[in-house]
C-alpha cells in the first residue's frame, strides 16, 4: 500500500512517521478481522472466532477532484458495511 500511495503523490513525512499529501486525508485501518463463529453466545464463556479480510485497508478523503488517482483504481473497495467512515 505504501508504494502505491507514494506513486499517487503521497510524501514520506519522516518527522511525523507517516505519509502526507496536501490534498488527501489518509486514515490507515490496516487488517480488518470479522467474526465467523460465536460459541456460547451471551454466556460468560462466549468464544468468538475471527478471520482476517484479505488486504490492508485505508480510507482516503480527497479534497481536490482534479487529482489523477487512476493508479489507485485497482485497489478501491466499496464495502456494504464499512469498518470506519469519515465523520
PDB file of N, CA and C in Angstrom:
ATOM      1  N   UNK A   1       0.813  -1.176   0.000  1.00  0.00           N
ATOM      2  CA  UNK A   1       0.000   0.000   0.000  1.00  0.00           C
ATOM      3  C   UNK A   1       0.865   1.252   0.000  1.00  0.00           C
ATOM      4  N   UNK A   2       1.895   1.249   0.765  1.00  0.00           N
ATOM      5  CA  UNK A   2       2.781   2.414   0.866  1.00  0.00           C
ATOM      6  C   UNK A   2       3.343   2.795  -0.500  1.00  0.00           C
ATOM      7  N   UNK A   3       3.793   1.808  -1.254  1.00  0.00           N
ATOM      8  CA  UNK A   3       4.372   2.054  -2.580  1.00  0.00           C
ATOM      9  C   UNK A   3       3.342   2.685  -3.507  1.00  0.00           C
ATOM     10  N   UNK A   4       2.108   2.182  -3.482  1.00  0.00           N
ATOM     11  CA  UNK A   4       1.062   2.709  -4.346  1.00  0.00           C
ATOM     12  C   UNK A   4       0.694   4.139  -3.961  1.00  0.00           C
ATOM     13  N   UNK A   5       0.654   4.435  -2.670  1.00  0.00           N
ATOM     14  CA  UNK A   5       0.316   5.792  -2.231  1.00  0.00           C
ATOM     15  C   UNK A   5       1.415   6.787  -2.594  1.00  0.00           C
ATOM     16  N   UNK A   6       2.659   6.393  -2.459  1.00  0.00           N
ATOM     17  CA  UNK A   6       3.767   7.270  -2.851  1.00  0.00           C
ATOM     18  C   UNK A   6       3.724   7.516  -4.352  1.00  0.00           C
ATOM     19  N   UNK A   7       3.415   6.476  -5.135  1.00  0.00           N
ATOM     20  CA  UNK A   7       3.292   6.632  -6.584  1.00  0.00           C
ATOM     21  C   UNK A   7       2.146   7.573  -6.949  1.00  0.00           C
ATOM     22  N   UNK A   8       1.128   7.663  -6.076  1.00  0.00           N
ATOM     23  CA  UNK A   8      -0.023   8.530  -6.319  1.00  0.00           C
ATOM     24  C   UNK A   8       0.205   9.956  -5.821  1.00  0.00           C
ATOM     25  N   UNK A   9       1.407  10.232  -5.292  1.00  0.00           N
ATOM     26  CA  UNK A   9       1.729  11.605  -4.899  1.00  0.00           C
ATOM     27  C   UNK A   9       1.897  11.851  -3.417  1.00  0.00           C
ATOM     28  N   UNK A  10       1.730  10.814  -2.587  1.00  0.00           N
ATOM     29  CA  UNK A  10       1.971  10.989  -1.160  1.00  0.00           C
ATOM     30  C   UNK A  10       3.471  11.147  -0.912  1.00  0.00           C
ATOM     31  N   UNK A  11       3.808  11.889   0.130  1.00  0.00           N
ATOM     32  CA  UNK A  11       5.210  12.086   0.516  1.00  0.00           C
ATOM     33  C   UNK A  11       5.468  11.392   1.843  1.00  0.00           C
ATOM     34  N   UNK A  12       6.667  10.875   1.999  1.00  0.00           N
ATOM     35  CA  UNK A  12       7.068  10.223   3.235  1.00  0.00           C
ATOM     36  C   UNK A  12       7.471  11.312   4.223  1.00  0.00           C
ATOM     37  N   UNK A  13       6.685  11.501   5.266  1.00  0.00           N
ATOM     38  CA  UNK A  13       6.960  12.512   6.281  1.00  0.00           C
ATOM     39  C   UNK A  13       7.720  11.848   7.425  1.00  0.00           C
ATOM     40  N   UNK A  14       9.033  11.894   7.351  1.00  0.00           N
ATOM     41  CA  UNK A  14       9.868  11.212   8.345  1.00  0.00           C
ATOM     42  C   UNK A  14       9.697  11.801   9.738  1.00  0.00           C
ATOM     43  N   UNK A  15       9.459  13.103   9.822  1.00  0.00           N
ATOM     44  CA  UNK A  15       9.293  13.759  11.123  1.00  0.00           C
ATOM     45  C   UNK A  15       8.050  13.244  11.850  1.00  0.00           C
ATOM     46  N   UNK A  16       6.958  13.066  11.114  1.00  0.00           N
ATOM     47  CA  UNK A  16       5.713  12.577  11.710  1.00  0.00           C
ATOM     48  C   UNK A  16       5.614  11.052  11.685  1.00  0.00           C
ATOM     49  N   UNK A  17       6.445  10.407  10.866  1.00  0.00           N
ATOM     50  CA  UNK A  17       6.434   8.953  10.794  1.00  0.00           C
ATOM     51  C   UNK A  17       5.280   8.390   9.994  1.00  0.00           C
ATOM     52  N   UNK A  18       4.887   9.065   8.930  1.00  0.00           N
ATOM     53  CA  UNK A  18       3.787   8.576   8.115  1.00  0.00           C
ATOM     54  C   UNK A  18       3.813   9.183   6.735  1.00  0.00           C
ATOM     55  N   UNK A  19       2.721   9.028   6.020  1.00  0.00           N
ATOM     56  CA  UNK A  19       2.601   9.574   4.682  1.00  0.00           C
ATOM     57  C   UNK A  19       1.773  10.847   4.722  1.00  0.00           C
ATOM     58  N   UNK A  20       2.090  11.780   3.815  1.00  0.00           N
ATOM     59  CA  UNK A  20       1.412  13.070   3.775  1.00  0.00           C
ATOM     60  C   UNK A  20       1.079  13.448   2.342  1.00  0.00           C
ATOM     61  N   UNK A  21      -0.099  14.002   2.146  1.00  0.00           N
ATOM     62  CA  UNK A  21      -0.495  14.592   0.871  1.00  0.00           C
ATOM     63  C   UNK A  21      -1.287  15.851   1.195  1.00  0.00           C
ATOM     64  N   UNK A  22      -0.980  16.985   0.561  1.00  0.00           N
ATOM     65  CA  UNK A  22      -1.667  18.231   0.907  1.00  0.00           C
ATOM     66  C   UNK A  22      -3.157  18.242   0.558  1.00  0.00           C
ATOM     67  N   UNK A  23      -3.599  17.383  -0.354  1.00  0.00           N
ATOM     68  CA  UNK A  23      -4.992  17.386  -0.793  1.00  0.00           C
ATOM     69  C   UNK A  23      -5.762  16.118  -0.456  1.00  0.00           C
ATOM     70  N   UNK A  24      -5.164  15.231   0.325  1.00  0.00           N
ATOM     71  CA  UNK A  24      -5.822  13.964   0.666  1.00  0.00           C
ATOM     72  C   UNK A  24      -5.584  13.655   2.147  1.00  0.00           C
ATOM     73  N   UNK A  25      -6.661  13.308   2.847  1.00  0.00           N
ATOM     74  CA  UNK A  25      -6.530  12.821   4.222  1.00  0.00           C
ATOM     75  C   UNK A  25      -6.451  11.300   4.164  1.00  0.00           C
ATOM     76  N   UNK A  26      -5.543  10.752   4.952  1.00  0.00           N
ATOM     77  CA  UNK A  26      -5.299   9.308   4.959  1.00  0.00           C
ATOM     78  C   UNK A  26      -5.633   8.739   6.330  1.00  0.00           C
ATOM     79  N   UNK A  27      -6.476   7.714   6.355  1.00  0.00           N
ATOM     80  CA  UNK A  27      -6.836   7.003   7.571  1.00  0.00           C
ATOM     81  C   UNK A  27      -6.437   5.543   7.375  1.00  0.00           C
ATOM     82  N   UNK A  28      -5.313   5.142   7.939  1.00  0.00           N
ATOM     83  CA  UNK A  28      -4.835   3.764   7.795  1.00  0.00           C
ATOM     84  C   UNK A  28      -5.595   2.882   8.779  1.00  0.00           C
ATOM     85  N   UNK A  29      -6.291   1.894   8.254  1.00  0.00           N
ATOM     86  CA  UNK A  29      -7.069   0.971   9.071  1.00  0.00           C
ATOM     87  C   UNK A  29      -6.261  -0.291   9.336  1.00  0.00           C
ATOM     88  N   UNK A  30      -5.577  -0.777   8.317  1.00  0.00           N
ATOM     89  CA  UNK A  30      -4.775  -1.988   8.461  1.00  0.00           C
ATOM     90  C   UNK A  30      -5.590  -3.229   8.173  1.00  0.00           C
ATOM     91  N   UNK A  31      -5.362  -4.275   8.942  1.00  0.00           N
ATOM     92  CA  UNK A  31      -6.061  -5.546   8.755  1.00  0.00           C
ATOM     93  C   UNK A  31      -7.425  -5.455   9.437  1.00  0.00           C
ATOM     94  N   UNK A  32      -8.447  -5.957   8.754  1.00  0.00           N
ATOM     95  CA  UNK A  32      -9.797  -5.989   9.321  1.00  0.00           C
ATOM     96  C   UNK A  32     -10.145  -7.433   9.644  1.00  0.00           C
ATOM     97  N   UNK A  33     -10.521  -7.674  10.903  1.00  0.00           N
ATOM     98  CA  UNK A  33     -10.940  -9.010  11.339  1.00  0.00           C
ATOM     99  C   UNK A  33     -12.451  -9.020  11.505  1.00  0.00           C
ATOM    100  N   UNK A  34     -13.090 -10.047  10.962  1.00  0.00           N
ATOM    101  CA  UNK A  34     -14.555 -10.170  11.060  1.00  0.00           C
ATOM    102  C   UNK A  34     -14.895 -11.481  11.765  1.00  0.00           C
ATOM    103  N   UNK A  35     -15.956 -11.463  12.584  1.00  0.00           N
ATOM    104  CA  UNK A  35     -16.337 -12.692  13.285  1.00  0.00           C
ATOM    105  C   UNK A  35     -16.913 -13.718  12.312  1.00  0.00           C
ATOM    106  N   UNK A  36     -16.534 -14.970  12.500  1.00  0.00           N
ATOM    107  CA  UNK A  36     -17.050 -16.044  11.654  1.00  0.00           C
ATOM    108  C   UNK A  36     -17.893 -17.043  12.441  1.00  0.00           C
ATOM    109  N   UNK A  37     -17.647 -17.123  13.743  1.00  0.00           N
ATOM    110  CA  UNK A  37     -18.380 -18.081  14.569  1.00  0.00           C
ATOM    111  C   UNK A  37     -18.434 -17.582  16.004  1.00  0.00           C
ATOM    112  N   UNK A  38     -19.607 -17.756  16.633  1.00  0.00           N
ATOM    113  CA  UNK A  38     -19.766 -17.400  18.045  1.00  0.00           C
ATOM    114  C   UNK A  38     -20.272 -18.639  18.780  1.00  0.00           C
ATOM    115  N   UNK A  39     -19.504 -19.060  19.778  1.00  0.00           N
ATOM    116  CA  UNK A  39     -19.899 -20.206  20.604  1.00  0.00           C
ATOM    117  C   UNK A  39     -20.339 -19.674  21.970  1.00  0.00           C
ATOM    118  N   UNK A  40     -21.370 -20.244  22.512  1.00  0.00           N
ATOM    119  CA  UNK A  40     -21.906 -19.853  23.818  1.00  0.00           C
ATOM    120  C   UNK A  40     -22.308 -18.376  23.828  1.00  0.00           C
ATOM    121  N   UNK A  41     -23.015 -17.941  22.788  1.00  0.00           N
ATOM    122  CA  UNK A  41     -23.397 -16.524  22.647  1.00  0.00           C
ATOM    123  C   UNK A  41     -24.148 -16.023  23.874  1.00  0.00           C
ATOM    124  N   UNK A  42     -23.702 -14.877  24.367  1.00  0.00           N
ATOM    125  CA  UNK A  42     -24.350 -14.233  25.506  1.00  0.00           C
ATOM    126  C   UNK A  42     -24.001 -14.823  26.857  1.00  0.00           C
ATOM    127  N   UNK A  43     -23.212 -15.871  26.864  1.00  0.00           N
ATOM    128  CA  UNK A  43     -22.827 -16.509  28.120  1.00  0.00           C
ATOM    129  C   UNK A  43     -21.475 -15.979  28.589  1.00  0.00           C
ATOM    130  N   UNK A  44     -21.145 -16.294  29.832  1.00  0.00           N
ATOM    131  CA  UNK A  44     -19.882 -15.830  30.405  1.00  0.00           C
ATOM    132  C   UNK A  44     -18.671 -16.357  29.635  1.00  0.00           C
ATOM    133  N   UNK A  45     -18.768 -17.578  29.122  1.00  0.00           N
ATOM    134  CA  UNK A  45     -17.644 -18.182  28.394  1.00  0.00           C
ATOM    135  C   UNK A  45     -17.859 -18.114  26.881  1.00  0.00           C
ATOM    136  N   UNK A  46     -18.363 -16.968  26.420  1.00  0.00           N
ATOM    137  CA  UNK A  46     -18.567 -16.764  24.983  1.00  0.00           C
ATOM    138  C   UNK A  46     -17.220 -16.766  24.262  1.00  0.00           C
ATOM    139  N   UNK A  47     -17.151 -17.467  23.141  1.00  0.00           N
ATOM    140  CA  UNK A  47     -15.927 -17.549  22.341  1.00  0.00           C
ATOM    141  C   UNK A  47     -16.262 -17.104  20.916  1.00  0.00           C
ATOM    142  N   UNK A  48     -15.527 -16.116  20.431  1.00  0.00           N
ATOM    143  CA  UNK A  48     -15.751 -15.604  19.073  1.00  0.00           C
ATOM    144  C   UNK A  48     -14.519 -15.920  18.232  1.00  0.00           C
ATOM    145  N   UNK A  49     -14.746 -16.543  17.086  1.00  0.00           N
ATOM    146  CA  UNK A  49     -13.676 -16.846  16.146  1.00  0.00           C
ATOM    147  C   UNK A  49     -13.688 -15.786  15.047  1.00  0.00           C
ATOM    148  N   UNK A  50     -12.516 -15.249  14.733  1.00  0.00           N
ATOM    149  CA  UNK A  50     -12.390 -14.204  13.717  1.00  0.00           C
ATOM    150  C   UNK A  50     -11.546 -14.693  12.553  1.00  0.00           C
ATOM    151  N   UNK A  51     -11.755 -14.082  11.385  1.00  0.00           N
ATOM    152  CA  UNK A  51     -10.925 -14.315  10.215  1.00  0.00           C
ATOM    153  C   UNK A  51     -10.578 -12.938   9.642  1.00  0.00           C
ATOM    154  N   UNK A  52      -9.373 -12.810   9.102  1.00  0.00           N
ATOM    155  CA  UNK A  52      -8.944 -11.541   8.521  1.00  0.00           C
ATOM    156  C   UNK A  52      -9.463 -11.386   7.102  1.00  0.00           C
ATOM    157  N   UNK A  53     -10.012 -10.220   6.812  1.00  0.00           N
ATOM    158  CA  UNK A  53     -10.394  -9.888   5.441  1.00  0.00           C
ATOM    159  C   UNK A  53      -9.109  -9.760   4.625  1.00  0.00           C
ATOM    160  N   UNK A  54      -9.139 -10.135   3.354  1.00  0.00           N
ATOM    161  CA  UNK A  54      -7.920 -10.006   2.551  1.00  0.00           C
ATOM    162  C   UNK A  54      -7.507  -8.538   2.389  1.00  0.00           C
ATOM    163  N   UNK A  55      -6.220  -8.305   2.389  1.00  0.00           N
ATOM    164  CA  UNK A  55      -5.692  -6.969   2.115  1.00  0.00           C
ATOM    165  C   UNK A  55      -5.361  -6.169   3.356  1.00  0.00           C
ATOM    166  N   UNK A  56      -4.870  -4.972   3.099  1.00  0.00           N
ATOM    167  CA  UNK A  56      -4.509  -3.992   4.124  1.00  0.00           C
ATOM    168  C   UNK A  56      -5.298  -2.752   3.769  1.00  0.00           C
ATOM    169  N   UNK A  57      -6.076  -2.216   4.687  1.00  0.00           N
ATOM    170  CA  UNK A  57      -7.118  -1.254   4.362  1.00  0.00           C
ATOM    171  C   UNK A  57      -6.789   0.166   4.815  1.00  0.00           C
ATOM    172  N   UNK A  58      -7.278   1.130   4.031  1.00  0.00           N
ATOM    173  CA  UNK A  58      -7.126   2.547   4.346  1.00  0.00           C
ATOM    174  C   UNK A  58      -8.290   3.315   3.728  1.00  0.00           C
ATOM    175  N   UNK A  59      -8.640   4.430   4.357  1.00  0.00           N
ATOM    176  CA  UNK A  59      -9.624   5.348   3.792  1.00  0.00           C
ATOM    177  C   UNK A  59      -8.896   6.586   3.285  1.00  0.00           C
ATOM    178  N   UNK A  60      -9.296   7.051   2.125  1.00  0.00           N
ATOM    179  CA  UNK A  60      -8.765   8.295   1.579  1.00  0.00           C
ATOM    180  C   UNK A  60      -9.906   9.285   1.448  1.00  0.00           C
ATOM    181  N   UNK A  61      -9.671  10.507   1.876  1.00  0.00           N
ATOM    182  CA  UNK A  61     -10.632  11.592   1.678  1.00  0.00           C
ATOM    183  C   UNK A  61      -9.957  12.624   0.795  1.00  0.00           C
ATOM    184  N   UNK A  62     -10.428  12.722  -0.445  1.00  0.00           N
ATOM    185  CA  UNK A  62      -9.794  13.571  -1.458  1.00  0.00           C
ATOM    186  C   UNK A  62     -10.475  14.940  -1.470  1.00  0.00           C
ATOM    187  N   UNK A  63      -9.688  16.000  -1.274  1.00  0.00           N
ATOM    188  CA  UNK A  63     -10.221  17.353  -1.267  1.00  0.00           C
ATOM    189  C   UNK A  63     -10.070  18.059  -2.614  1.00  0.00           C
ATOM    190  N   UNK A  64      -9.322  17.458  -3.536  1.00  0.00           N
ATOM    191  CA  UNK A  64      -9.093  18.065  -4.838  1.00  0.00           C
ATOM    192  C   UNK A  64      -9.522  17.073  -5.914  1.00  0.00           C
ATOM    193  N   UNK A  65     -10.688  17.307  -6.503  1.00  0.00           N
ATOM    194  CA  UNK A  65     -11.227  16.390  -7.510  1.00  0.00           C
ATOM    195  C   UNK A  65     -10.412  16.349  -8.789  1.00  0.00           C
ATOM    196  N   UNK A  66      -9.475  17.267  -8.964  1.00  0.00           N
ATOM    197  CA  UNK A  66      -8.673  17.325 -10.190  1.00  0.00           C
ATOM    198  C   UNK A  66      -7.434  16.432 -10.115  1.00  0.00           C
ATOM    199  N   UNK A  67      -7.192  15.803  -8.978  1.00  0.00           N
ATOM    200  CA  UNK A  67      -6.034  14.916  -8.834  1.00  0.00           C
ATOM    201  C   UNK A  67      -6.206  13.676  -9.702  1.00  0.00           C
ATOM    202  N   UNK A  68      -5.123  13.230 -10.299  1.00  0.00           N
ATOM    203  CA  UNK A  68      -5.143  11.987 -11.074  1.00  0.00           C
ATOM    204  C   UNK A  68      -4.765  10.836 -10.134  1.00  0.00           C
ATOM    205  N   UNK A  69      -5.761  10.118  -9.681  1.00  0.00           N
ATOM    206  CA  UNK A  69      -5.531   8.982  -8.781  1.00  0.00           C
ATOM    207  C   UNK A  69      -5.828   7.666  -9.486  1.00  0.00           C
ATOM    208  N   UNK A  70      -5.719   7.672 -10.808  1.00  0.00           N
ATOM    209  CA  UNK A  70      -6.029   6.468 -11.590  1.00  0.00           C
ATOM    210  C   UNK A  70      -5.145   5.287 -11.205  1.00  0.00           C
ATOM    211  N   UNK A  71      -3.960   5.549 -10.686  1.00  0.00           N
ATOM    212  CA  UNK A  71      -3.081   4.443 -10.285  1.00  0.00           C
ATOM    213  C   UNK A  71      -3.627   3.680  -9.083  1.00  0.00           C
ATOM    214  N   UNK A  72      -4.610   4.241  -8.398  1.00  0.00           N
ATOM    215  CA  UNK A  72      -5.182   3.579  -7.224  1.00  0.00           C
ATOM    216  C   UNK A  72      -6.503   2.861  -7.519  1.00  0.00           C
ATOM    217  N   UNK A  73      -7.045   3.031  -8.718  1.00  0.00           N
ATOM    218  CA  UNK A  73      -8.361   2.465  -9.039  1.00  0.00           C
ATOM    219  C   UNK A  73      -8.437   0.955  -8.834  1.00  0.00           C
ATOM    220  N   UNK A  74      -7.364   0.235  -9.100  1.00  0.00           N
ATOM    221  CA  UNK A  74      -7.382  -1.227  -8.929  1.00  0.00           C
ATOM    222  C   UNK A  74      -7.482  -1.653  -7.467  1.00  0.00           C
ATOM    223  N   UNK A  75      -7.266  -0.713  -6.551  1.00  0.00           N
ATOM    224  CA  UNK A  75      -7.258  -1.038  -5.124  1.00  0.00           C
ATOM    225  C   UNK A  75      -8.519  -0.576  -4.402  1.00  0.00           C
ATOM    226  N   UNK A  76      -9.435   0.042  -5.104  1.00  0.00           N
ATOM    227  CA  UNK A  76     -10.648   0.583  -4.488  1.00  0.00           C
ATOM    228  C   UNK A  76     -11.600  -0.547  -4.112  1.00  0.00           C
ATOM    229  N   UNK A  77     -12.087  -0.489  -2.880  1.00  0.00           N
ATOM    230  CA  UNK A  77     -13.078  -1.423  -2.369  1.00  0.00           C
ATOM    231  C   UNK A  77     -14.195  -0.579  -1.754  1.00  0.00           C
ATOM    232  N   UNK A  78     -15.442  -0.910  -2.066  1.00  0.00           N
ATOM    233  CA  UNK A  78     -16.590  -0.194  -1.505  1.00  0.00           C
ATOM    234  C   UNK A  78     -17.450  -1.178  -0.710  1.00  0.00           C
ATOM    235  N   UNK A  79     -17.105  -1.380   0.562  1.00  0.00           N
ATOM    236  CA  UNK A  79     -17.843  -2.369   1.365  1.00  0.00           C
ATOM    237  C   UNK A  79     -19.269  -1.910   1.675  1.00  0.00           C
ATOM    238  N   UNK A  80     -20.164  -2.887   1.823  1.00  0.00           N
ATOM    239  CA  UNK A  80     -21.551  -2.572   2.179  1.00  0.00           C
ATOM    240  C   UNK A  80     -21.633  -1.993   3.587  1.00  0.00           C
ATOM    241  N   UNK A  81     -20.818  -2.530   4.485  1.00  0.00           N
ATOM    242  CA  UNK A  81     -20.788  -2.038   5.874  1.00  0.00           C
ATOM    243  C   UNK A  81     -19.332  -1.716   6.221  1.00  0.00           C
ATOM    244  N   UNK A  82     -18.895  -0.472   5.995  1.00  0.00           N
ATOM    245  CA  UNK A  82     -17.501  -0.103   6.254  1.00  0.00           C
ATOM    246  C   UNK A  82     -17.114  -0.247   7.724  1.00  0.00           C
ATOM    247  N   UNK A  83     -15.849  -0.596   7.951  1.00  0.00           N
ATOM    248  CA  UNK A  83     -15.335  -0.700   9.320  1.00  0.00           C
ATOM    249  C   UNK A  83     -15.212   0.678   9.963  1.00  0.00           C
ATOM    250  N   UNK A  84     -14.831   1.683   9.163  1.00  0.00           N
ATOM    251  CA  UNK A  84     -14.725   3.074   9.620  1.00  0.00           C
ATOM    252  C   UNK A  84     -15.117   3.983   8.478  1.00  0.00           C
ATOM    253  N   UNK A  85     -15.680   5.133   8.818  1.00  0.00           N
ATOM    254  CA  UNK A  85     -16.063   6.135   7.818  1.00  0.00           C
ATOM    255  C   UNK A  85     -15.638   7.522   8.306  1.00  0.00           C
ATOM    256  N   UNK A  86     -15.612   8.468   7.396  1.00  0.00           N
ATOM    257  CA  UNK A  86     -15.312   9.855   7.748  1.00  0.00           C
ATOM    258  C   UNK A  86     -16.544  10.476   8.402  1.00  0.00           C
ATOM    259  N   UNK A  87     -16.327  11.291   9.406  1.00  0.00           N
ATOM    260  CA  UNK A  87     -17.455  11.972  10.092  1.00  0.00           C
ATOM    261  C   UNK A  87     -18.001  13.096   9.253  1.00  0.00           C
TER     262      UNK A  87
END
